[in-house]
N, C-alpha and C. Protein backbone atom coordinates (compact mmCIF):
# COMPACT_ATOMS: atom_id res chain seq x y z
N MET A 1 0.83 -1.17 0.00
CA MET A 1 0.00 0.00 0.00
C MET A 1 0.88 1.25 0.00
N ILE A 2 0.57 2.17 -0.86
CA ILE A 2 1.34 3.41 -0.98
C ILE A 2 0.77 4.44 -0.01
N THR A 3 1.66 5.03 0.77
CA THR A 3 1.24 6.08 1.69
C THR A 3 1.43 7.43 1.01
N VAL A 4 0.35 8.18 0.93
CA VAL A 4 0.40 9.50 0.32
C VAL A 4 0.47 10.52 1.45
N ARG A 5 1.46 11.35 1.38
CA ARG A 5 1.64 12.36 2.41
C ARG A 5 1.42 13.75 1.82
N PRO A 6 0.96 14.66 2.68
CA PRO A 6 0.80 16.04 2.20
C PRO A 6 2.14 16.62 1.76
N THR A 7 2.08 17.49 0.77
CA THR A 7 3.29 18.13 0.26
C THR A 7 3.35 19.61 0.62
N ASP A 8 2.19 20.16 0.99
CA ASP A 8 2.10 21.60 1.21
C ASP A 8 1.32 21.87 2.50
N ARG A 9 1.64 23.00 3.13
CA ARG A 9 0.94 23.43 4.34
C ARG A 9 0.74 24.94 4.28
N LEU A 10 -0.40 25.39 4.77
CA LEU A 10 -0.64 26.82 4.98
C LEU A 10 -0.79 27.07 6.46
N PHE A 11 -0.13 28.12 6.95
CA PHE A 11 -0.29 28.49 8.35
C PHE A 11 -0.16 30.00 8.50
N PHE A 12 -0.80 30.53 9.54
CA PHE A 12 -0.66 31.94 9.87
C PHE A 12 0.42 32.08 10.93
N ALA A 13 1.20 33.15 10.82
CA ALA A 13 2.30 33.39 11.74
C ALA A 13 2.49 34.88 11.95
N VAL A 14 3.24 35.21 12.98
CA VAL A 14 3.78 36.56 13.13
C VAL A 14 5.28 36.42 12.94
N ARG A 15 5.86 37.44 12.31
CA ARG A 15 7.29 37.41 12.01
C ARG A 15 7.96 38.65 12.58
N PRO A 16 9.17 38.47 13.10
CA PRO A 16 9.88 39.63 13.65
C PRO A 16 10.40 40.54 12.55
N ASP A 17 10.60 41.81 12.91
CA ASP A 17 11.19 42.76 11.96
C ASP A 17 12.68 42.47 11.82
N ALA A 18 13.33 43.11 10.87
CA ALA A 18 14.74 42.83 10.54
C ALA A 18 15.66 43.05 11.74
N GLU A 19 15.45 44.12 12.48
CA GLU A 19 16.29 44.40 13.65
C GLU A 19 16.15 43.30 14.70
N THR A 20 14.94 42.83 14.90
CA THR A 20 14.71 41.77 15.88
C THR A 20 15.30 40.45 15.40
N VAL A 21 15.23 40.17 14.11
CA VAL A 21 15.85 38.96 13.56
C VAL A 21 17.34 38.95 13.89
N GLU A 22 18.01 40.09 13.74
CA GLU A 22 19.43 40.17 14.09
C GLU A 22 19.66 39.86 15.56
N ALA A 23 18.82 40.41 16.44
CA ALA A 23 18.95 40.15 17.88
C ALA A 23 18.71 38.68 18.20
N ILE A 24 17.74 38.07 17.52
CA ILE A 24 17.45 36.65 17.75
C ILE A 24 18.62 35.79 17.30
N CYS A 25 19.18 36.06 16.14
CA CYS A 25 20.31 35.28 15.63
C CYS A 25 21.53 35.44 16.53
N SER A 26 21.75 36.64 17.05
CA SER A 26 22.85 36.88 17.97
C SER A 26 22.65 36.08 19.26
N ALA A 27 21.43 36.12 19.81
CA ALA A 27 21.14 35.36 21.04
C ALA A 27 21.30 33.86 20.80
N ARG A 28 20.86 33.39 19.64
CA ARG A 28 21.02 31.96 19.30
C ARG A 28 22.49 31.59 19.27
N GLY A 29 23.31 32.44 18.66
CA GLY A 29 24.75 32.17 18.59
C GLY A 29 25.37 32.08 19.98
N LYS A 30 24.99 32.99 20.86
CA LYS A 30 25.52 32.98 22.24
C LYS A 30 25.07 31.73 22.99
N LEU A 31 23.80 31.36 22.83
CA LEU A 31 23.30 30.15 23.48
C LEU A 31 24.05 28.91 23.00
N CYS A 32 24.27 28.83 21.70
CA CYS A 32 24.99 27.68 21.13
C CYS A 32 26.40 27.60 21.70
N GLU A 33 27.05 28.74 21.77
CA GLU A 33 28.42 28.78 22.28
C GLU A 33 28.49 28.38 23.76
N LYS A 34 27.62 28.97 24.57
CA LYS A 34 27.64 28.71 26.02
C LYS A 34 27.18 27.31 26.39
N ALA A 35 26.19 26.79 25.67
CA ALA A 35 25.61 25.49 26.04
C ALA A 35 26.11 24.34 25.17
N GLY A 36 26.99 24.63 24.21
CA GLY A 36 27.52 23.58 23.35
C GLY A 36 26.46 22.99 22.42
N LEU A 37 25.54 23.82 21.97
CA LEU A 37 24.48 23.34 21.08
C LEU A 37 24.94 23.37 19.63
N SER A 38 24.53 22.37 18.89
CA SER A 38 24.78 22.37 17.45
C SER A 38 23.62 21.65 16.78
N GLY A 39 23.43 21.96 15.52
CA GLY A 39 22.34 21.35 14.76
C GLY A 39 21.82 22.32 13.74
N PRO A 40 20.84 21.87 12.95
CA PRO A 40 20.30 22.74 11.91
C PRO A 40 19.55 23.93 12.51
N GLU A 41 19.89 25.12 12.02
CA GLU A 41 19.26 26.36 12.49
C GLU A 41 18.14 26.76 11.54
N VAL A 42 17.10 27.38 12.11
CA VAL A 42 16.05 27.95 11.28
C VAL A 42 16.67 29.18 10.60
N PRO A 43 16.58 29.27 9.26
CA PRO A 43 17.16 30.43 8.57
C PRO A 43 16.50 31.72 9.06
N PRO A 44 17.27 32.82 9.11
CA PRO A 44 16.73 34.09 9.60
C PRO A 44 15.41 34.50 8.95
N GLU A 45 15.28 34.28 7.65
CA GLU A 45 14.07 34.71 6.94
C GLU A 45 12.86 33.82 7.25
N GLN A 46 13.07 32.70 7.97
CA GLN A 46 11.97 31.81 8.32
C GLN A 46 11.59 31.88 9.80
N LEU A 47 12.26 32.72 10.59
CA LEU A 47 11.91 32.84 12.00
C LEU A 47 10.49 33.37 12.13
N HIS A 48 9.68 32.70 12.94
CA HIS A 48 8.27 33.07 13.07
C HIS A 48 7.67 32.43 14.32
N VAL A 49 6.50 32.90 14.68
CA VAL A 49 5.67 32.26 15.71
C VAL A 49 4.40 31.79 14.99
N THR A 50 4.17 30.49 14.98
CA THR A 50 2.97 29.96 14.34
C THR A 50 1.76 30.30 15.21
N LEU A 51 0.74 30.86 14.58
CA LEU A 51 -0.52 31.19 15.26
C LEU A 51 -1.58 30.13 15.03
N TRP A 52 -1.71 29.70 13.77
CA TRP A 52 -2.76 28.75 13.42
C TRP A 52 -2.40 28.01 12.15
N ARG A 53 -2.41 26.68 12.21
CA ARG A 53 -2.18 25.88 11.01
C ARG A 53 -3.52 25.74 10.29
N VAL A 54 -3.59 26.30 9.10
CA VAL A 54 -4.82 26.28 8.31
C VAL A 54 -5.07 24.86 7.82
N GLY A 55 -4.04 24.21 7.26
CA GLY A 55 -4.22 22.85 6.79
C GLY A 55 -3.07 22.36 5.95
N ASP A 56 -3.08 21.05 5.73
CA ASP A 56 -2.10 20.39 4.88
C ASP A 56 -2.79 19.98 3.58
N TYR A 57 -2.03 19.97 2.49
CA TYR A 57 -2.59 19.75 1.16
C TYR A 57 -1.76 18.72 0.40
N MET A 58 -2.43 17.95 -0.44
CA MET A 58 -1.76 16.97 -1.30
C MET A 58 -1.23 17.62 -2.57
N VAL A 59 -1.76 18.79 -2.89
CA VAL A 59 -1.32 19.58 -4.05
C VAL A 59 -1.18 21.02 -3.57
N PRO A 60 -0.41 21.83 -4.25
CA PRO A 60 -0.28 23.22 -3.82
C PRO A 60 -1.64 23.92 -3.78
N PRO A 61 -1.88 24.74 -2.75
CA PRO A 61 -3.14 25.48 -2.69
C PRO A 61 -3.23 26.46 -3.86
N THR A 62 -4.44 26.66 -4.34
CA THR A 62 -4.65 27.56 -5.46
C THR A 62 -4.74 29.01 -4.98
N ALA A 63 -4.66 29.93 -5.92
CA ALA A 63 -4.83 31.35 -5.61
C ALA A 63 -6.21 31.59 -5.01
N GLU A 64 -7.22 30.85 -5.50
CA GLU A 64 -8.58 30.99 -4.96
C GLU A 64 -8.64 30.52 -3.52
N ASP A 65 -7.95 29.39 -3.22
CA ASP A 65 -7.88 28.90 -1.83
C ASP A 65 -7.29 29.98 -0.92
N ILE A 66 -6.19 30.53 -1.36
CA ILE A 66 -5.47 31.53 -0.56
C ILE A 66 -6.33 32.78 -0.37
N ASP A 67 -6.97 33.24 -1.45
CA ASP A 67 -7.84 34.43 -1.34
C ASP A 67 -8.97 34.19 -0.36
N GLY A 68 -9.59 33.01 -0.41
CA GLY A 68 -10.68 32.69 0.50
C GLY A 68 -10.24 32.67 1.96
N ILE A 69 -9.07 32.10 2.20
CA ILE A 69 -8.53 32.04 3.56
C ILE A 69 -8.23 33.45 4.06
N LEU A 70 -7.64 34.27 3.21
CA LEU A 70 -7.33 35.64 3.61
C LEU A 70 -8.60 36.45 3.88
N ARG A 71 -9.65 36.21 3.08
CA ARG A 71 -10.92 36.90 3.32
C ARG A 71 -11.48 36.52 4.69
N GLN A 72 -11.47 35.23 5.01
CA GLN A 72 -11.97 34.77 6.31
C GLN A 72 -11.14 35.36 7.45
N ALA A 73 -9.83 35.27 7.32
CA ALA A 73 -8.94 35.78 8.38
C ALA A 73 -9.03 37.29 8.50
N GLY A 74 -9.41 37.96 7.41
CA GLY A 74 -9.53 39.41 7.41
C GLY A 74 -10.63 39.93 8.32
N THR A 75 -11.49 39.03 8.81
CA THR A 75 -12.55 39.43 9.73
C THR A 75 -12.03 39.55 11.17
N VAL A 76 -10.84 39.05 11.42
CA VAL A 76 -10.26 39.08 12.78
C VAL A 76 -9.86 40.50 13.14
N GLU A 77 -10.29 40.92 14.30
CA GLU A 77 -9.93 42.26 14.80
C GLU A 77 -9.01 42.11 16.00
N MET A 78 -7.88 42.80 15.93
CA MET A 78 -6.89 42.76 17.01
C MET A 78 -5.97 43.95 16.80
N PRO A 79 -5.77 44.77 17.82
CA PRO A 79 -4.84 45.89 17.66
C PRO A 79 -3.40 45.39 17.69
N PRO A 80 -2.47 46.15 17.11
CA PRO A 80 -1.05 45.80 17.24
C PRO A 80 -0.68 45.69 18.73
N PHE A 81 0.31 44.85 19.02
CA PHE A 81 0.73 44.65 20.40
C PHE A 81 2.22 44.35 20.47
N ARG A 82 2.77 44.56 21.64
CA ARG A 82 4.20 44.32 21.89
C ARG A 82 4.39 42.86 22.29
N LEU A 83 5.36 42.20 21.70
CA LEU A 83 5.69 40.81 22.00
C LEU A 83 7.16 40.72 22.36
N SER A 84 7.48 40.00 23.42
CA SER A 84 8.88 39.76 23.73
C SER A 84 9.04 38.37 24.32
N PHE A 85 10.24 37.83 24.17
CA PHE A 85 10.60 36.54 24.73
C PHE A 85 11.72 36.74 25.75
N ARG A 86 11.62 36.04 26.89
CA ARG A 86 12.59 36.18 27.97
C ARG A 86 13.29 34.87 28.35
N CYS A 87 12.93 33.77 27.70
CA CYS A 87 13.51 32.47 28.04
C CYS A 87 13.84 31.69 26.77
N ALA A 88 14.78 30.77 26.92
CA ALA A 88 15.08 29.81 25.87
C ALA A 88 15.09 28.44 26.53
N LYS A 89 14.61 27.42 25.79
CA LYS A 89 14.63 26.06 26.33
C LYS A 89 14.39 25.07 25.20
N SER A 90 14.64 23.80 25.50
CA SER A 90 14.38 22.75 24.54
C SER A 90 12.97 22.21 24.74
N LEU A 91 12.30 21.95 23.63
CA LEU A 91 11.00 21.28 23.64
C LEU A 91 11.18 19.91 22.98
N GLY A 92 10.09 19.24 22.71
CA GLY A 92 10.14 17.93 22.10
C GLY A 92 10.91 17.89 20.80
N ARG A 93 11.45 16.74 20.49
CA ARG A 93 12.23 16.47 19.27
C ARG A 93 13.41 17.43 19.09
N GLY A 94 13.96 17.93 20.21
CA GLY A 94 15.17 18.73 20.16
C GLY A 94 15.02 20.15 19.67
N ALA A 95 13.81 20.68 19.68
CA ALA A 95 13.60 22.06 19.23
C ALA A 95 14.06 23.03 20.31
N LEU A 96 14.99 23.90 19.97
CA LEU A 96 15.38 24.99 20.86
C LEU A 96 14.48 26.17 20.53
N VAL A 97 13.78 26.68 21.54
CA VAL A 97 12.80 27.72 21.31
C VAL A 97 12.99 28.92 22.23
N LEU A 98 12.48 30.06 21.79
CA LEU A 98 12.30 31.23 22.65
C LEU A 98 10.87 31.16 23.16
N CYS A 99 10.68 31.53 24.42
CA CYS A 99 9.34 31.48 25.00
C CYS A 99 9.25 32.44 26.18
N GLY A 100 8.08 32.52 26.79
CA GLY A 100 7.86 33.33 27.97
C GLY A 100 8.13 34.80 27.74
N GLY A 101 7.30 35.64 28.27
CA GLY A 101 7.53 37.07 28.13
C GLY A 101 6.25 37.82 27.85
N ARG A 102 6.41 39.06 27.54
CA ARG A 102 5.29 39.96 27.30
C ARG A 102 4.58 39.63 25.99
N GLY A 103 3.27 39.71 26.01
CA GLY A 103 2.50 39.54 24.79
C GLY A 103 2.00 38.12 24.55
N SER A 104 2.37 37.17 25.41
CA SER A 104 1.92 35.78 25.20
C SER A 104 0.40 35.69 25.22
N ALA A 105 -0.26 36.42 26.12
CA ALA A 105 -1.72 36.39 26.18
C ALA A 105 -2.32 36.98 24.90
N ASP A 106 -1.68 38.01 24.35
CA ASP A 106 -2.16 38.60 23.08
C ASP A 106 -1.99 37.61 21.93
N LEU A 107 -0.86 36.88 21.92
CA LEU A 107 -0.66 35.86 20.88
C LEU A 107 -1.74 34.79 20.98
N GLU A 108 -2.03 34.36 22.19
CA GLU A 108 -3.05 33.34 22.39
C GLU A 108 -4.42 33.84 21.93
N ARG A 109 -4.74 35.08 22.28
CA ARG A 109 -6.02 35.67 21.87
C ARG A 109 -6.11 35.73 20.33
N LEU A 110 -5.02 36.14 19.69
CA LEU A 110 -4.99 36.22 18.22
C LEU A 110 -5.15 34.83 17.61
N SER A 111 -4.49 33.83 18.18
CA SER A 111 -4.60 32.46 17.70
C SER A 111 -6.04 31.97 17.79
N ILE A 112 -6.69 32.24 18.92
CA ILE A 112 -8.08 31.81 19.11
C ILE A 112 -9.00 32.51 18.12
N ARG A 113 -8.77 33.79 17.88
CA ARG A 113 -9.62 34.52 16.92
C ARG A 113 -9.44 33.99 15.51
N LEU A 114 -8.20 33.63 15.14
CA LEU A 114 -7.98 33.02 13.82
C LEU A 114 -8.67 31.66 13.75
N ARG A 115 -8.50 30.86 14.79
CA ARG A 115 -9.15 29.54 14.83
C ARG A 115 -10.65 29.69 14.63
N ASP A 116 -11.26 30.63 15.35
CA ASP A 116 -12.70 30.81 15.27
C ASP A 116 -13.14 31.30 13.88
N ALA A 117 -12.32 32.14 13.25
CA ALA A 117 -12.66 32.66 11.92
C ALA A 117 -12.49 31.60 10.83
N LEU A 118 -11.56 30.66 11.03
CA LEU A 118 -11.20 29.72 9.97
C LEU A 118 -11.77 28.32 10.14
N THR A 119 -12.33 28.00 11.30
CA THR A 119 -12.86 26.67 11.54
C THR A 119 -14.36 26.65 11.24
N PRO A 120 -14.79 25.76 10.37
CA PRO A 120 -16.21 25.70 10.04
C PRO A 120 -17.06 25.37 11.28
N PRO A 121 -18.29 25.88 11.33
CA PRO A 121 -19.16 25.56 12.46
C PRO A 121 -19.31 24.05 12.62
N GLY A 122 -19.24 23.60 13.85
CA GLY A 122 -19.39 22.18 14.15
C GLY A 122 -18.12 21.37 14.04
N ALA A 123 -17.07 21.93 13.43
CA ALA A 123 -15.79 21.21 13.31
C ALA A 123 -15.04 21.28 14.64
N GLU A 124 -14.18 20.32 14.85
CA GLU A 124 -13.37 20.29 16.07
C GLU A 124 -12.43 21.49 16.09
N ARG A 125 -12.38 22.16 17.23
CA ARG A 125 -11.50 23.33 17.38
C ARG A 125 -10.27 22.87 18.15
N ARG A 126 -9.32 22.36 17.41
CA ARG A 126 -8.17 21.67 17.96
C ARG A 126 -7.15 22.58 18.65
N ARG A 127 -6.33 21.98 19.44
CA ARG A 127 -5.03 22.39 19.92
C ARG A 127 -4.98 23.40 21.05
N ALA A 128 -4.07 23.14 21.93
CA ALA A 128 -3.68 24.11 22.94
C ALA A 128 -2.56 24.94 22.30
N PHE A 129 -2.46 26.18 22.67
CA PHE A 129 -1.48 27.08 22.04
C PHE A 129 -0.35 27.37 23.02
N LEU A 130 0.87 27.10 22.61
CA LEU A 130 2.06 27.41 23.40
C LEU A 130 2.88 28.42 22.59
N PRO A 131 2.82 29.71 22.95
CA PRO A 131 3.57 30.71 22.18
C PRO A 131 5.08 30.45 22.27
N HIS A 132 5.72 30.27 21.12
CA HIS A 132 7.16 30.05 21.07
C HIS A 132 7.68 30.30 19.65
N MET A 133 8.98 30.48 19.56
CA MET A 133 9.65 30.62 18.27
C MET A 133 10.79 29.60 18.22
N THR A 134 10.73 28.69 17.26
CA THR A 134 11.79 27.69 17.12
C THR A 134 13.01 28.33 16.47
N LEU A 135 14.18 28.09 17.11
CA LEU A 135 15.44 28.64 16.62
C LEU A 135 16.28 27.62 15.87
N MET A 136 16.21 26.35 16.34
CA MET A 136 17.05 25.31 15.76
C MET A 136 16.63 23.95 16.30
N ARG A 137 17.23 22.91 15.80
CA ARG A 137 17.08 21.56 16.33
C ARG A 137 18.45 21.11 16.83
N SER A 138 18.47 20.54 18.02
CA SER A 138 19.73 20.10 18.59
C SER A 138 19.49 18.85 19.43
N GLU A 139 20.42 17.92 19.39
CA GLU A 139 20.32 16.73 20.23
C GLU A 139 20.63 17.07 21.68
N THR A 140 21.32 18.17 21.92
CA THR A 140 21.61 18.61 23.28
C THR A 140 20.37 19.30 23.83
N ILE A 141 19.95 18.86 25.01
CA ILE A 141 18.75 19.43 25.63
C ILE A 141 19.15 20.60 26.53
N LEU A 142 18.50 21.72 26.34
CA LEU A 142 18.78 22.91 27.13
C LEU A 142 17.62 23.13 28.11
N PRO A 143 17.91 23.07 29.43
CA PRO A 143 16.85 23.42 30.38
C PRO A 143 16.52 24.90 30.24
N GLU A 144 15.35 25.29 30.75
CA GLU A 144 14.93 26.69 30.61
C GLU A 144 16.01 27.62 31.14
N ARG A 145 16.29 28.65 30.35
CA ARG A 145 17.33 29.62 30.69
C ARG A 145 16.82 31.02 30.38
N ARG A 146 17.00 31.93 31.34
CA ARG A 146 16.62 33.34 31.12
C ARG A 146 17.57 33.97 30.11
N ILE A 147 17.02 34.85 29.27
CA ILE A 147 17.82 35.61 28.33
C ILE A 147 17.39 37.07 28.43
N ASN A 148 18.20 37.96 27.87
CA ASN A 148 17.76 39.35 27.76
C ASN A 148 16.56 39.39 26.83
N ALA A 149 15.55 40.14 27.22
CA ALA A 149 14.31 40.19 26.44
C ALA A 149 14.59 40.59 24.99
N ILE A 150 13.94 39.87 24.09
CA ILE A 150 14.00 40.15 22.66
C ILE A 150 12.57 40.36 22.20
N GLY A 151 12.26 41.51 21.60
CA GLY A 151 10.87 41.73 21.22
C GLY A 151 10.69 42.73 20.09
N TRP A 152 9.44 42.82 19.65
CA TRP A 152 9.04 43.74 18.59
C TRP A 152 7.55 44.00 18.72
N THR A 153 7.07 44.98 17.97
CA THR A 153 5.64 45.25 17.92
C THR A 153 5.03 44.48 16.77
N VAL A 154 4.07 43.61 17.08
CA VAL A 154 3.39 42.81 16.07
C VAL A 154 2.33 43.70 15.41
N ARG A 155 2.48 43.91 14.11
CA ARG A 155 1.57 44.79 13.38
C ARG A 155 0.78 44.06 12.29
N GLU A 156 1.18 42.81 11.99
CA GLU A 156 0.50 42.07 10.93
C GLU A 156 0.62 40.58 11.18
N ILE A 157 -0.27 39.84 10.51
CA ILE A 157 -0.14 38.38 10.46
C ILE A 157 0.20 38.02 9.03
N VAL A 158 0.90 36.90 8.87
CA VAL A 158 1.37 36.48 7.56
C VAL A 158 0.85 35.07 7.28
N LEU A 159 0.25 34.87 6.10
CA LEU A 159 -0.12 33.53 5.66
C LEU A 159 1.09 32.96 4.93
N VAL A 160 1.57 31.83 5.44
CA VAL A 160 2.80 31.21 4.92
C VAL A 160 2.45 29.90 4.23
N HIS A 161 3.03 29.70 3.04
CA HIS A 161 2.93 28.44 2.31
C HIS A 161 4.24 27.69 2.53
N SER A 162 4.14 26.55 3.20
CA SER A 162 5.32 25.74 3.49
C SER A 162 5.34 24.53 2.57
N LEU A 163 6.48 24.27 1.96
CA LEU A 163 6.66 23.07 1.15
C LEU A 163 7.25 22.02 2.09
N LEU A 164 6.43 21.08 2.51
CA LEU A 164 6.81 20.13 3.55
C LEU A 164 8.02 19.29 3.14
N GLY A 165 8.94 19.15 4.09
CA GLY A 165 10.14 18.36 3.86
C GLY A 165 11.19 19.06 3.04
N ARG A 166 10.93 20.29 2.62
CA ARG A 166 11.89 21.01 1.79
C ARG A 166 12.36 22.31 2.44
N ALA A 167 11.95 22.52 3.70
CA ALA A 167 12.37 23.71 4.45
C ALA A 167 12.19 25.00 3.66
N THR A 168 11.06 25.09 2.96
CA THR A 168 10.77 26.28 2.18
C THR A 168 9.50 26.92 2.72
N HIS A 169 9.60 28.20 3.06
CA HIS A 169 8.44 28.99 3.51
C HIS A 169 8.30 30.19 2.59
N ARG A 170 7.09 30.36 2.05
CA ARG A 170 6.83 31.53 1.19
C ARG A 170 5.64 32.30 1.75
N PRO A 171 5.83 33.58 2.07
CA PRO A 171 4.66 34.36 2.47
C PRO A 171 3.75 34.54 1.25
N VAL A 172 2.46 34.25 1.41
CA VAL A 172 1.52 34.38 0.30
C VAL A 172 0.41 35.39 0.59
N GLY A 173 0.45 35.97 1.78
CA GLY A 173 -0.53 36.99 2.12
C GLY A 173 -0.21 37.63 3.46
N ARG A 174 -0.56 38.90 3.59
CA ARG A 174 -0.33 39.64 4.82
C ARG A 174 -1.61 40.39 5.17
N LEU A 175 -1.92 40.41 6.46
CA LEU A 175 -3.08 41.15 6.94
C LEU A 175 -2.65 42.03 8.11
N PRO A 176 -2.90 43.32 8.04
CA PRO A 176 -2.52 44.19 9.16
C PRO A 176 -3.44 43.93 10.36
N LEU A 177 -2.86 44.02 11.55
CA LEU A 177 -3.69 43.97 12.75
C LEU A 177 -4.44 45.29 12.84
N ARG A 178 -5.69 45.22 13.27
CA ARG A 178 -6.51 46.43 13.31
C ARG A 178 -7.67 46.21 14.27
N THR A 179 -8.28 47.29 14.64
CA THR A 179 -9.51 47.23 15.40
C THR A 179 -10.62 47.78 14.51
N ARG A 180 -11.82 47.42 14.84
CA ARG A 180 -12.96 47.88 14.05
C ARG A 180 -13.04 49.40 14.12
N GLN A 181 -13.25 50.00 13.00
CA GLN A 181 -13.41 51.45 12.93
C GLN A 181 -14.87 51.81 13.18
N LEU A 182 -15.12 52.49 14.26
CA LEU A 182 -16.50 52.91 14.58
C LEU A 182 -16.77 54.24 13.90
N PRO A 183 -17.99 54.42 13.40
CA PRO A 183 -18.32 55.70 12.76
C PRO A 183 -18.28 56.82 13.79
N LEU A 184 -17.86 57.98 13.33
CA LEU A 184 -17.85 59.15 14.20
C LEU A 184 -19.28 59.64 14.44
N PRO A 185 -19.59 60.09 15.65
CA PRO A 185 -20.95 60.55 15.91
C PRO A 185 -21.33 61.68 14.94
N GLY A 186 -22.56 61.62 14.45
CA GLY A 186 -23.06 62.68 13.59
C GLY A 186 -22.73 62.49 12.12
N PHE A 187 -22.00 61.42 11.76
CA PHE A 187 -21.66 61.18 10.37
C PHE A 187 -22.34 59.91 9.91
N ASP A 188 -22.88 59.95 8.71
CA ASP A 188 -23.48 58.77 8.09
C ASP A 188 -22.46 58.16 7.14
N PHE A 189 -22.23 56.87 7.28
CA PHE A 189 -21.30 56.19 6.39
C PHE A 189 -22.02 55.18 5.56
């Protein structure tokens, strides 16, 4: 029997700005040096915090699929917020991650709002959310360690198309964080 596996994945994420990417890569280098960590690193342009996995596909998603997902996610209202990480530690399968810090509750709220906007009524609303950013994979396990806070202001969410098994991430859509605009008193819109 032939096992058919998905080749493509779509997920929503927040991504750090260029200055923060530099700080993250610098912190990763220091952690590797101090703790003797080695292994494949997440490339700087792929650093992200996953908010919601939309789904896995046997064929690449179409432009219509992507447009529909962006329309649904575009209903989510959330103001920009400050996010920072204050700890590094190993999680399952040797993932070294950044975690803990300011904005975790906002990330969780944003994840839940995306889940609610993208999950059909009556479907299972899966998963507990653990805000983190994967830096690398290492066989050396790092217990939780405090680091100097690394953060940025989250202003948008990004829909990412991942080619599974090929370590390729392509942003295919961006949505700014926003709050609903209320009409000004006395004006008809």
